[in-house]
PDB file of N, CA and C in Angstrom:
ATOM      1  N   MET A   1     103.243  85.106  91.634  1.00  0.00           N
ATOM      2  CA  MET A   1     102.084  84.434  92.175  1.00  0.00           C
ATOM      3  C   MET A   1     101.639  85.191  93.431  1.00  0.00           C
ATOM      4  N   ASN A   2     100.369  85.496  93.500  1.00  0.00           N
ATOM      5  CA  ASN A   2      99.847  86.166  94.686  1.00  0.00           C
ATOM      6  C   ASN A   2      99.146  85.144  95.589  1.00  0.00           C
ATOM      7  N   LYS A   3      98.588  85.609  96.703  1.00  0.00           N
ATOM      8  CA  LYS A   3      97.984  84.717  97.686  1.00  0.00           C
ATOM      9  C   LYS A   3      96.807  83.928  97.100  1.00  0.00           C
ATOM     10  N   THR A   4      95.968  84.584  96.317  1.00  0.00           N
ATOM     11  CA  THR A   4      94.818  83.908  95.713  1.00  0.00           C
ATOM     12  C   THR A   4      95.270  82.791  94.780  1.00  0.00           C
ATOM     13  N   GLU A   5      96.265  83.067  93.968  1.00  0.00           N
ATOM     14  CA  GLU A   5      96.788  82.051  93.055  1.00  0.00           C
ATOM     15  C   GLU A   5      97.423  80.895  93.830  1.00  0.00           C
ATOM     16  N   LEU A   6      98.095  81.207  94.936  1.00  0.00           N
ATOM     17  CA  LEU A   6      98.697  80.160  95.763  1.00  0.00           C
ATOM     18  C   LEU A   6      97.610  79.276  96.375  1.00  0.00           C
ATOM     19  N   ILE A   7      96.541  79.872  96.857  1.00  0.00           N
ATOM     20  CA  ILE A   7      95.425  79.093  97.416  1.00  0.00           C
ATOM     21  C   ILE A   7      94.826  78.189  96.345  1.00  0.00           C
ATOM     22  N   GLU A   8      94.637  78.697  95.135  1.00  0.00           N
ATOM     23  CA  GLU A   8      94.109  77.882  94.039  1.00  0.00           C
ATOM     24  C   GLU A   8      95.037  76.713  93.733  1.00  0.00           C
ATOM     25  N   HIS A   9      96.339  76.967  93.743  1.00  0.00           N
ATOM     26  CA  HIS A   9      97.321  75.919  93.462  1.00  0.00           C
ATOM     27  C   HIS A   9      97.285  74.845  94.556  1.00  0.00           C
ATOM     28  N   ILE A  10      97.233  75.266  95.819  1.00  0.00           N
ATOM     29  CA  ILE A  10      97.164  74.315  96.931  1.00  0.00           C
ATOM     30  C   ILE A  10      95.895  73.478  96.827  1.00  0.00           C
ATOM     31  N   ALA A  11      94.768  74.131  96.550  1.00  0.00           N
ATOM     32  CA  ALA A  11      93.492  73.416  96.435  1.00  0.00           C
ATOM     33  C   ALA A  11      93.547  72.359  95.342  1.00  0.00           C
ATOM     34  N   LYS A  12      94.136  72.712  94.217  1.00  0.00           N
ATOM     35  CA  LYS A  12      94.216  71.782  93.088  1.00  0.00           C
ATOM     36  C   LYS A  12      95.158  70.619  93.389  1.00  0.00           C
ATOM     37  N   GLN A  13      96.344  70.913  93.930  1.00  0.00           N
ATOM     38  CA  GLN A  13      97.351  69.882  94.198  1.00  0.00           C
ATOM     39  C   GLN A  13      96.937  68.945  95.324  1.00  0.00           C
ATOM     40  N   ALA A  14      96.261  69.468  96.355  1.00  0.00           N
ATOM     41  CA  ALA A  14      95.900  68.658  97.520  1.00  0.00           C
ATOM     42  C   ALA A  14      94.462  68.147  97.456  1.00  0.00           C
ATOM     43  N   ASP A  15      93.758  68.428  96.370  1.00  0.00           N
ATOM     44  CA  ASP A  15      92.371  68.006  96.189  1.00  0.00           C
ATOM     45  C   ASP A  15      91.508  68.485  97.362  1.00  0.00           C
ATOM     46  N   LEU A  16      91.620  69.806  97.644  1.00  0.00           N
ATOM     47  CA  LEU A  16      90.845  70.453  98.700  1.00  0.00           C
ATOM     48  C   LEU A  16      89.971  71.530  98.086  1.00  0.00           C
ATOM     49  N   SER A  17      88.999  71.981  98.870  1.00  0.00           N
ATOM     50  CA  SER A  17      88.239  73.145  98.420  1.00  0.00           C
ATOM     51  C   SER A  17      89.120  74.375  98.595  1.00  0.00           C
ATOM     52  N   LYS A  18      88.783  75.447  97.888  1.00  0.00           N
ATOM     53  CA  LYS A  18      89.558  76.680  98.022  1.00  0.00           C
ATOM     54  C   LYS A  18      89.458  77.220  99.443  1.00  0.00           C
ATOM     55  N   ALA A  19      88.311  77.069 100.081  1.00  0.00           N
ATOM     56  CA  ALA A  19      88.140  77.537 101.460  1.00  0.00           C
ATOM     57  C   ALA A  19      89.065  76.785 102.405  1.00  0.00           C
ATOM     58  N   ALA A  20      89.141  75.467 102.251  1.00  0.00           N
ATOM     59  CA  ALA A  20      90.011  74.653 103.109  1.00  0.00           C
ATOM     60  C   ALA A  20      91.476  74.984 102.850  1.00  0.00           C
ATOM     61  N   ALA A  21      91.829  75.165 101.585  1.00  0.00           N
ATOM     62  CA  ALA A  21      93.206  75.524 101.243  1.00  0.00           C
ATOM     63  C   ALA A  21      93.563  76.889 101.825  1.00  0.00           C
ATOM     64  N   GLY A  22      92.631  77.821 101.785  1.00  0.00           N
ATOM     65  CA  GLY A  22      92.852  79.147 102.359  1.00  0.00           C
ATOM     66  C   GLY A  22      93.060  79.081 103.861  1.00  0.00           C
ATOM     67  N   ARG A  23      92.255  78.258 104.546  1.00  0.00           N
ATOM     68  CA  ARG A  23      92.419  78.091 105.991  1.00  0.00           C
ATOM     69  C   ARG A  23      93.757  77.436 106.320  1.00  0.00           C
ATOM     70  N   ALA A  24      94.168  76.465 105.516  1.00  0.00           N
ATOM     71  CA  ALA A  24      95.449  75.790 105.734  1.00  0.00           C
ATOM     72  C   ALA A  24      96.610  76.763 105.558  1.00  0.00           C
ATOM     73  N   LEU A  25      96.531  77.598 104.519  1.00  0.00           N
ATOM     74  CA  LEU A  25      97.592  78.580 104.280  1.00  0.00           C
ATOM     75  C   LEU A  25      97.642  79.598 105.415  1.00  0.00           C
ATOM     76  N   GLU A  26      96.484  80.075 105.863  1.00  0.00           N
ATOM     77  CA  GLU A  26      96.436  81.036 106.976  1.00  0.00           C
ATOM     78  C   GLU A  26      97.005  80.425 108.246  1.00  0.00           C
ATOM     79  N   ALA A  27      96.685  79.158 108.514  1.00  0.00           N
ATOM     80  CA  ALA A  27      97.196  78.475 109.704  1.00  0.00           C
ATOM     81  C   ALA A  27      98.714  78.342 109.641  1.00  0.00           C
ATOM     82  N   THR A  28      99.238  78.036 108.459  1.00  0.00           N
ATOM     83  CA  THR A  28     100.677  77.905 108.281  1.00  0.00           C
ATOM     84  C   THR A  28     101.369  79.248 108.506  1.00  0.00           C
ATOM     85  N   MET A  29     100.847  80.297 107.892  1.00  0.00           N
ATOM     86  CA  MET A  29     101.450  81.622 108.054  1.00  0.00           C
ATOM     87  C   MET A  29     101.366  82.083 109.505  1.00  0.00           C
ATOM     88  N   SER A  30     100.272  81.775 110.166  1.00  0.00           N
ATOM     89  CA  SER A  30     100.105  82.139 111.573  1.00  0.00           C
ATOM     90  C   SER A  30     101.131  81.424 112.448  1.00  0.00           C
ATOM     91  N   ALA A  31     101.337  80.140 112.190  1.00  0.00           N
ATOM     92  CA  ALA A  31     102.311  79.370 112.971  1.00  0.00           C
ATOM     93  C   ALA A  31     103.720  79.932 112.790  1.00  0.00           C
ATOM     94  N   VAL A  32     104.086  80.286 111.560  1.00  0.00           N
ATOM     95  CA  VAL A  32     105.398  80.871 111.297  1.00  0.00           C
ATOM     96  C   VAL A  32     105.517  82.211 112.015  1.00  0.00           C
ATOM     97  N   ARG A  33     104.490  83.042 111.912  1.00  0.00           N
ATOM     98  CA  ARG A  33     104.494  84.367 112.537  1.00  0.00           C
ATOM     99  C   ARG A  33     104.649  84.264 114.059  1.00  0.00           C
ATOM    100  N   ILE A  34     103.872  83.379 114.686  1.00  0.00           N
ATOM    101  CA  ILE A  34     103.923  83.219 116.144  1.00  0.00           C
ATOM    102  C   ILE A  34     105.287  82.711 116.592  1.00  0.00           C
ATOM    103  N   THR A  35     105.838  81.732 115.874  1.00  0.00           N
ATOM    104  CA  THR A  35     107.141  81.177 116.233  1.00  0.00           C
ATOM    105  C   THR A  35     108.230  82.229 116.104  1.00  0.00           C
ATOM    106  N   LEU A  36     108.219  83.008 115.021  1.00  0.00           N
ATOM    107  CA  LEU A  36     109.228  84.045 114.841  1.00  0.00           C
ATOM    108  C   LEU A  36     109.096  85.139 115.894  1.00  0.00           C
ATOM    109  N   LYS A  37     107.861  85.475 116.271  1.00  0.00           N
ATOM    110  CA  LYS A  37     107.640  86.505 117.277  1.00  0.00           C
ATOM    111  C   LYS A  37     108.222  86.084 118.623  1.00  0.00           C
ATOM    112  N   LYS A  38     108.193  84.779 118.906  1.00  0.00           N
ATOM    113  CA  LYS A  38     108.771  84.255 120.143  1.00  0.00           C
ATOM    114  C   LYS A  38     110.291  84.125 120.059  1.00  0.00           C
ATOM    115  N   GLY A  39     110.864  84.401 118.890  1.00  0.00           N
ATOM    116  CA  GLY A  39     112.313  84.320 118.720  1.00  0.00           C
ATOM    117  C   GLY A  39     112.800  82.983 118.209  1.00  0.00           C
ATOM    118  N   GLY A  40     111.896  82.094 117.838  1.00  0.00           N
ATOM    119  CA  GLY A  40     112.269  80.777 117.345  1.00  0.00           C
ATOM    120  C   GLY A  40     112.547  80.769 115.853  1.00  0.00           C
ATOM    121  N   THR A  41     112.813  79.588 115.327  1.00  0.00           N
ATOM    122  CA  THR A  41     113.029  79.412 113.901  1.00  0.00           C
ATOM    123  C   THR A  41     112.062  78.350 113.390  1.00  0.00           C
ATOM    124  N   VAL A  42     111.764  78.410 112.102  1.00  0.00           N
ATOM    125  CA  VAL A  42     110.911  77.413 111.447  1.00  0.00           C
ATOM    126  C   VAL A  42     111.725  76.811 110.313  1.00  0.00           C
ATOM    127  N   SER A  43     112.025  75.508 110.420  1.00  0.00           N
ATOM    128  CA  SER A  43     112.804  74.813 109.396  1.00  0.00           C
ATOM    129  C   SER A  43     111.904  73.863 108.629  1.00  0.00           C
ATOM    130  N   LEU A  44     111.860  74.030 107.339  1.00  0.00           N
ATOM    131  CA  LEU A  44     111.130  73.126 106.454  1.00  0.00           C
ATOM    132  C   LEU A  44     112.180  72.424 105.602  1.00  0.00           C
ATOM    133  N   VAL A  45     112.483  71.188 105.954  1.00  0.00           N
ATOM    134  CA  VAL A  45     113.553  70.450 105.294  1.00  0.00           C
ATOM    135  C   VAL A  45     113.295  70.400 103.791  1.00  0.00           C
ATOM    136  N   GLY A  46     114.304  70.774 103.033  1.00  0.00           N
ATOM    137  CA  GLY A  46     114.205  70.793 101.579  1.00  0.00           C
ATOM    138  C   GLY A  46     113.692  72.112 101.028  1.00  0.00           C
ATOM    139  N   PHE A  47     113.089  72.940 101.874  1.00  0.00           N
ATOM    140  CA  PHE A  47     112.574  74.228 101.416  1.00  0.00           C
ATOM    141  C   PHE A  47     113.419  75.371 101.947  1.00  0.00           C
ATOM    142  N   GLY A  48     113.547  75.466 103.272  1.00  0.00           N
ATOM    143  CA  GLY A  48     114.361  76.532 103.843  1.00  0.00           C
ATOM    144  C   GLY A  48     114.039  76.775 105.298  1.00  0.00           C
ATOM    145  N   THR A  49     114.660  77.826 105.845  1.00  0.00           N
ATOM    146  CA  THR A  49     114.518  78.157 107.251  1.00  0.00           C
ATOM    147  C   THR A  49     114.147  79.619 107.411  1.00  0.00           C
ATOM    148  N   PHE A  50     113.118  79.862 108.214  1.00  0.00           N
ATOM    149  CA  PHE A  50     112.720  81.211 108.586  1.00  0.00           C
ATOM    150  C   PHE A  50     113.311  81.490 109.965  1.00  0.00           C
ATOM    151  N   ALA A  51     113.920  82.653 110.155  1.00  0.00           N
ATOM    152  CA  ALA A  51     114.516  83.009 111.444  1.00  0.00           C
ATOM    153  C   ALA A  51     114.404  84.514 111.639  1.00  0.00           C
ATOM    154  N   VAL A  52     114.686  84.944 112.868  1.00  0.00           N
ATOM    155  CA  VAL A  52     114.677  86.368 113.194  1.00  0.00           C
ATOM    156  C   VAL A  52     116.101  86.782 113.515  1.00  0.00           C
ATOM    157  N   THR A  53     116.544  87.886 112.944  1.00  0.00           N
ATOM    158  CA  THR A  53     117.847  88.440 113.283  1.00  0.00           C
ATOM    159  C   THR A  53     117.647  89.861 113.782  1.00  0.00           C
ATOM    160  N   LYS A  54     118.643  90.365 114.479  1.00  0.00           N
ATOM    161  CA  LYS A  54     118.559  91.713 115.015  1.00  0.00           C
ATOM    162  C   LYS A  54     119.436  92.630 114.167  1.00  0.00           C
ATOM    163  N   ARG A  55     118.844  93.715 113.716  1.00  0.00           N
ATOM    164  CA  ARG A  55     119.590  94.720 112.958  1.00  0.00           C
ATOM    165  C   ARG A  55     119.979  95.816 113.938  1.00  0.00           C
ATOM    166  N   ALA A  56     121.249  96.145 113.982  1.00  0.00           N
ATOM    167  CA  ALA A  56     121.764  97.123 114.933  1.00  0.00           C
ATOM    168  C   ALA A  56     121.288  98.536 114.596  1.00  0.00           C
ATOM    169  N   ALA A  57     121.275  99.381 115.620  1.00  0.00           N
ATOM    170  CA  ALA A  57     120.962 100.798 115.404  1.00  0.00           C
ATOM    171  C   ALA A  57     122.091 101.403 114.575  1.00  0.00           C
ATOM    172  N   ARG A  58     121.742 102.389 113.779  1.00  0.00           N
ATOM    173  CA  ARG A  58     122.752 103.005 112.929  1.00  0.00           C
ATOM    174  C   ARG A  58     122.371 104.442 112.625  1.00  0.00           C
ATOM    175  N   VAL A  59     123.302 105.161 112.031  1.00  0.00           N
ATOM    176  CA  VAL A  59     123.051 106.545 111.632  1.00  0.00           C
ATOM    177  C   VAL A  59     122.835 106.558 110.128  1.00  0.00           C
ATOM    178  N   GLY A  60     121.729 107.157 109.699  1.00  0.00           N
ATOM    179  CA  GLY A  60     121.430 107.274 108.279  1.00  0.00           C
ATOM    180  C   GLY A  60     121.394 108.738 107.872  1.00  0.00           C
ATOM    181  N   ARG A  61     121.051 108.985 106.649  1.00  0.00           N
ATOM    182  CA  ARG A  61     120.971 110.346 106.131  1.00  0.00           C
ATOM    183  C   ARG A  61     119.593 110.595 105.541  1.00  0.00           C
ATOM    184  N   ASN A  62     119.046 111.767 105.819  1.00  0.00           N
ATOM    185  CA  ASN A  62     117.810 112.195 105.184  1.00  0.00           C
ATOM    186  C   ASN A  62     118.180 112.561 103.749  1.00  0.00           C
ATOM    187  N   PRO A  63     117.625 111.890 102.743  1.00  0.00           N
ATOM    188  CA  PRO A  63     118.037 112.159 101.360  1.00  0.00           C
ATOM    189  C   PRO A  63     117.678 113.576 100.890  1.00  0.00           C
ATOM    190  N   ARG A  64     116.658 114.164 101.472  1.00  0.00           N
ATOM    191  CA  ARG A  64     116.251 115.495 101.058  1.00  0.00           C
ATOM    192  C   ARG A  64     117.180 116.582 101.608  1.00  0.00           C
ATOM    193  N   THR A  65     117.512 116.470 102.907  1.00  0.00           N
ATOM    194  CA  THR A  65     118.302 117.527 103.543  1.00  0.00           C
ATOM    195  C   THR A  65     119.753 117.141 103.775  1.00  0.00           C
ATOM    196  N   GLY A  66     120.038 115.849 103.783  1.00  0.00           N
ATOM    197  CA  GLY A  66     121.398 115.400 104.052  1.00  0.00           C
ATOM    198  C   GLY A  66     121.709 115.338 105.539  1.00  0.00           C
ATOM    199  N   ALA A  67     120.724 115.662 106.382  1.00  0.00           N
ATOM    200  CA  ALA A  67     120.936 115.653 107.823  1.00  0.00           C
ATOM    201  C   ALA A  67     121.042 114.214 108.330  1.00  0.00           C
ATOM    202  N   ALA A  68     121.883 114.015 109.349  1.00  0.00           N
ATOM    203  CA  ALA A  68     122.036 112.702 109.958  1.00  0.00           C
ATOM    204  C   ALA A  68     120.823 112.395 110.823  1.00  0.00           C
ATOM    205  N   ILE A  69     120.335 111.155 110.737  1.00  0.00           N
ATOM    206  CA  ILE A  69     119.222 110.726 111.575  1.00  0.00           C
ATOM    207  C   ILE A  69     119.576 109.388 112.211  1.00  0.00           C
ATOM    208  N   LYS A  70     119.039 109.155 113.401  1.00  0.00           N
ATOM    209  CA  LYS A  70     119.279 107.895 114.091  1.00  0.00           C
ATOM    210  C   LYS A  70     118.193 106.900 113.680  1.00  0.00           C
ATOM    211  N   ILE A  71     118.624 105.711 113.289  1.00  0.00           N
ATOM    212  CA  ILE A  71     117.707 104.639 112.930  1.00  0.00           C
ATOM    213  C   ILE A  71     117.784 103.604 114.050  1.00  0.00           C
ATOM    214  N   LYS A  72     116.639 103.288 114.651  1.00  0.00           N
ATOM    215  CA  LYS A  72     116.591 102.367 115.783  1.00  0.00           C
ATOM    216  C   LYS A  72     116.948 100.942 115.364  1.00  0.00           C
ATOM    217  N   SER A  73     117.373 100.155 116.351  1.00  0.00           N
ATOM    218  CA  SER A  73     117.606  98.735 116.089  1.00  0.00           C
ATOM    219  C   SER A  73     116.247  98.070 115.853  1.00  0.00           C
ATOM    220  N   ALA A  74     116.264  96.957 115.159  1.00  0.00           N
ATOM    221  CA  ALA A  74     115.011  96.282 114.832  1.00  0.00           C
ATOM    222  C   ALA A  74     115.241  94.782 114.663  1.00  0.00           C
ATOM    223  N   LYS A  75     114.194  94.023 114.919  1.00  0.00           N
ATOM    224  CA  LYS A  75     114.207  92.596 114.616  1.00  0.00           C
ATOM    225  C   LYS A  75     113.648  92.444 113.209  1.00  0.00           C
ATOM    226  N   VAL A  76     114.343  91.657 112.380  1.00  0.00           N
ATOM    227  CA  VAL A  76     113.894  91.480 110.999  1.00  0.00           C
ATOM    228  C   VAL A  76     113.824  89.993 110.651  1.00  0.00           C
ATOM    229  N   PRO A  77     112.800  89.595 109.891  1.00  0.00           N
ATOM    230  CA  PRO A  77     112.710  88.194 109.477  1.00  0.00           C
ATOM    231  C   PRO A  77     113.700  87.911 108.345  1.00  0.00           C
ATOM    232  N   LYS A  78     114.259  86.710 108.372  1.00  0.00           N
ATOM    233  CA  LYS A  78     115.185  86.277 107.322  1.00  0.00           C
ATOM    234  C   LYS A  78     114.748  84.910 106.825  1.00  0.00           C
ATOM    235  N   PHE A  79     115.011  84.636 105.567  1.00  0.00           N
ATOM    236  CA  PHE A  79     114.741  83.320 104.991  1.00  0.00           C
ATOM    237  C   PHE A  79     116.014  82.815 104.337  1.00  0.00           C
ATOM    238  N   ARG A  80     116.425  81.604 104.706  1.00  0.00           N
ATOM    239  CA  ARG A  80     117.577  80.962 104.062  1.00  0.00           C
ATOM    240  C   ARG A  80     117.054  79.755 103.297  1.00  0.00           C
ATOM    241  N   PRO A  81     117.175  79.755 101.974  1.00  0.00           N
ATOM    242  CA  PRO A  81     116.665  78.621 101.193  1.00  0.00           C
ATOM    243  C   PRO A  81     117.465  77.357 101.470  1.00  0.00           C
ATOM    244  N   GLY A  82     116.782  76.219 101.410  1.00  0.00           N
ATOM    245  CA  GLY A  82     117.419  74.921 101.600  1.00  0.00           C
ATOM    246  C   GLY A  82     118.069  74.430 100.320  1.00  0.00           C
ATOM    247  N   LYS A  83     118.868  73.382 100.452  1.00  0.00           N
ATOM    248  CA  LYS A  83     119.609  72.837  99.310  1.00  0.00           C
ATOM    249  C   LYS A  83     118.676  72.366  98.198  1.00  0.00           C
ATOM    250  N   ALA A  84     117.592  71.694  98.548  1.00  0.00           N
ATOM    251  CA  ALA A  84     116.680  71.178  97.536  1.00  0.00           C
ATOM    252  C   ALA A  84     116.042  72.312  96.732  1.00  0.00           C
ATOM    253  N   LEU A  85     115.701  73.413  97.401  1.00  0.00           N
ATOM    254  CA  LEU A  85     115.121  74.564  96.700  1.00  0.00           C
ATOM    255  C   LEU A  85     116.143  75.196  95.775  1.00  0.00           C
ATOM    256  N   LYS A  86     117.368  75.341  96.254  1.00  0.00           N
ATOM    257  CA  LYS A  86     118.438  75.907  95.415  1.00  0.00           C
ATOM    258  C   LYS A  86     118.674  75.030  94.183  1.00  0.00           C
ATOM    259  N   ASP A  87     118.735  73.703  94.421  1.00  0.00           N
ATOM    260  CA  ASP A  87     118.977  72.770  93.318  1.00  0.00           C
ATOM    261  C   ASP A  87     117.835  72.788  92.308  1.00  0.00           C
ATOM    262  N   ALA A  88     116.604  72.991  92.770  1.00  0.00           N
ATOM    263  CA  ALA A  88     115.463  73.019  91.861  1.00  0.00           C
ATOM    264  C   ALA A  88     115.500  74.229  90.922  1.00  0.00           C
ATOM    265  N   LEU A  89     116.160  75.298  91.353  1.00  0.00           N
ATOM    266  CA  LEU A  89     116.229  76.512  90.553  1.00  0.00           C
ATOM    267  C   LEU A  89     117.351  76.485  89.539  1.00  0.00           C
ATOM    268  N   ASN A  90     118.321  75.610  89.723  1.00  0.00           N
ATOM    269  CA  ASN A  90     119.490  75.567  88.822  1.00  0.00           C
ATOM    270  C   ASN A  90     119.526  74.311  87.994  1.00  0.00           C
TER     271      ASN A  90
END
């Protein structure tokens, strides 16, 4: 499912126009993005939790030359599914 299909699904399920559903989805994604950027977490009970973790710096290899390269540390988003989501899949 892509973003357009998700907007159509939201519009149909919530009895909204596609424009309103699109704005709602954008607002939700923006709120998650802003919260994660500040270092917070977003918990949606029954769905899951979005959080930021720090990946340590490490040494990697250039696959073409085999030379060692330094890879910087980075903040990465993580998603942990909730129990209800896991149960719905099994």
